[in-house]
């Protein structure tokens, strides 16, 4: 079991590299980045939505800082 998660991570990373190299002439690099983030957010949202909903009063004051951080991260 300890070797399953690193193997899964490397497999996803390798698959991502292969898809990027094959689709570079077909899909715009900005679109590839958008779809990557969209799929990641779509997959992870069901797992974190309940926790975010329960802790909303704690998270709410930090939304401006998080928005600034994500804007900066997207720019990099």
Protein backbone atom coordinates (compact mmCIF):
# COMPACT_ATOMS: atom_id res chain seq x y z
CA UNK A 1 0.00 0.00 0.00
CA UNK A 2 2.89 2.36 0.72
CA UNK A 3 4.11 1.99 -2.86
CA UNK A 4 0.72 2.47 -4.49
CA UNK A 5 0.39 6.24 -4.01
CA UNK A 6 3.88 7.16 -5.30
CA UNK A 7 3.33 4.86 -8.28
CA UNK A 8 -0.03 6.48 -8.95
CA UNK A 9 1.54 9.94 -8.70
CA UNK A 10 4.30 9.09 -11.15
CA UNK A 11 1.80 7.50 -13.53
CA UNK A 12 -0.41 10.60 -13.53
CA UNK A 13 2.61 12.85 -13.99
CA UNK A 14 3.91 10.75 -16.91
CA UNK A 15 0.48 10.64 -18.51
CA UNK A 16 0.20 14.40 -18.16
CA UNK A 17 3.58 14.89 -19.87
CA UNK A 18 2.61 12.58 -22.73
CA UNK A 19 -0.74 14.29 -23.27
CA UNK A 20 0.93 17.72 -23.22
CA UNK A 21 3.52 16.71 -25.80
CA UNK A 22 0.94 15.12 -28.11
CA UNK A 23 -1.55 17.98 -27.90
CA UNK A 24 0.80 20.97 -28.18
CA UNK A 25 0.00 21.50 -31.86
CA UNK A 26 -3.74 20.90 -31.41
CA UNK A 27 -4.66 22.70 -28.16
CA UNK A 28 -3.44 26.10 -27.02
CA UNK A 29 -1.09 25.87 -23.99
CA UNK A 30 -3.38 28.22 -22.05
CA UNK A 31 -6.32 25.91 -22.71
CA UNK A 32 -4.29 22.91 -21.54
CA UNK A 33 -3.55 24.73 -18.29
CA UNK A 34 -7.19 25.72 -17.87
CA UNK A 35 -8.46 22.17 -18.43
CA UNK A 36 -5.85 20.77 -16.04
CA UNK A 37 -6.97 23.10 -13.24
CA UNK A 38 -10.65 22.55 -14.08
CA UNK A 39 -10.36 18.78 -13.88
CA UNK A 40 -8.34 18.95 -10.66
CA UNK A 41 -10.89 21.27 -9.06
CA UNK A 42 -13.80 19.11 -10.26
CA UNK A 43 -12.24 15.96 -8.82
CA UNK A 44 -11.22 17.47 -5.47
CA UNK A 45 -14.32 19.58 -4.74
CA UNK A 46 -16.56 16.73 -3.51
CA UNK A 47 -13.91 15.72 -0.98
CA UNK A 48 -13.41 19.17 0.57
CA UNK A 49 -16.81 20.81 0.18
CA UNK A 50 -18.23 19.48 3.46
CA UNK A 51 -15.20 20.59 5.45
CA UNK A 52 -15.27 24.05 3.87
CA UNK A 53 -18.98 24.35 4.58
CA UNK A 54 -18.51 23.44 8.26
CA UNK A 55 -15.54 25.82 8.72
CA UNK A 56 -16.88 28.69 6.62
CA UNK A 57 -16.85 31.18 9.52
CA UNK A 58 -13.12 30.52 9.99
CA UNK A 59 -12.28 30.64 6.29
CA UNK A 60 -14.29 33.74 5.39
CA UNK A 61 -11.89 36.39 6.84
CA UNK A 62 -9.03 34.90 4.80
CA UNK A 63 -10.75 35.00 1.40
CA UNK A 64 -9.05 38.26 0.26
CA UNK A 65 -5.63 36.86 1.15
CA UNK A 66 -6.41 33.57 -0.60
CA UNK A 67 -7.65 35.43 -3.69
CA UNK A 68 -4.41 37.43 -3.81
CA UNK A 69 -2.34 34.26 -3.35
CA UNK A 70 -4.16 32.35 -6.12
CA UNK A 71 -3.91 35.35 -8.48
CA UNK A 72 -0.17 35.53 -7.84
CA UNK A 73 0.20 31.77 -8.23
CA UNK A 74 -1.69 31.79 -11.53
CA UNK A 75 0.57 34.58 -12.77
CA UNK A 76 3.71 32.57 -12.04
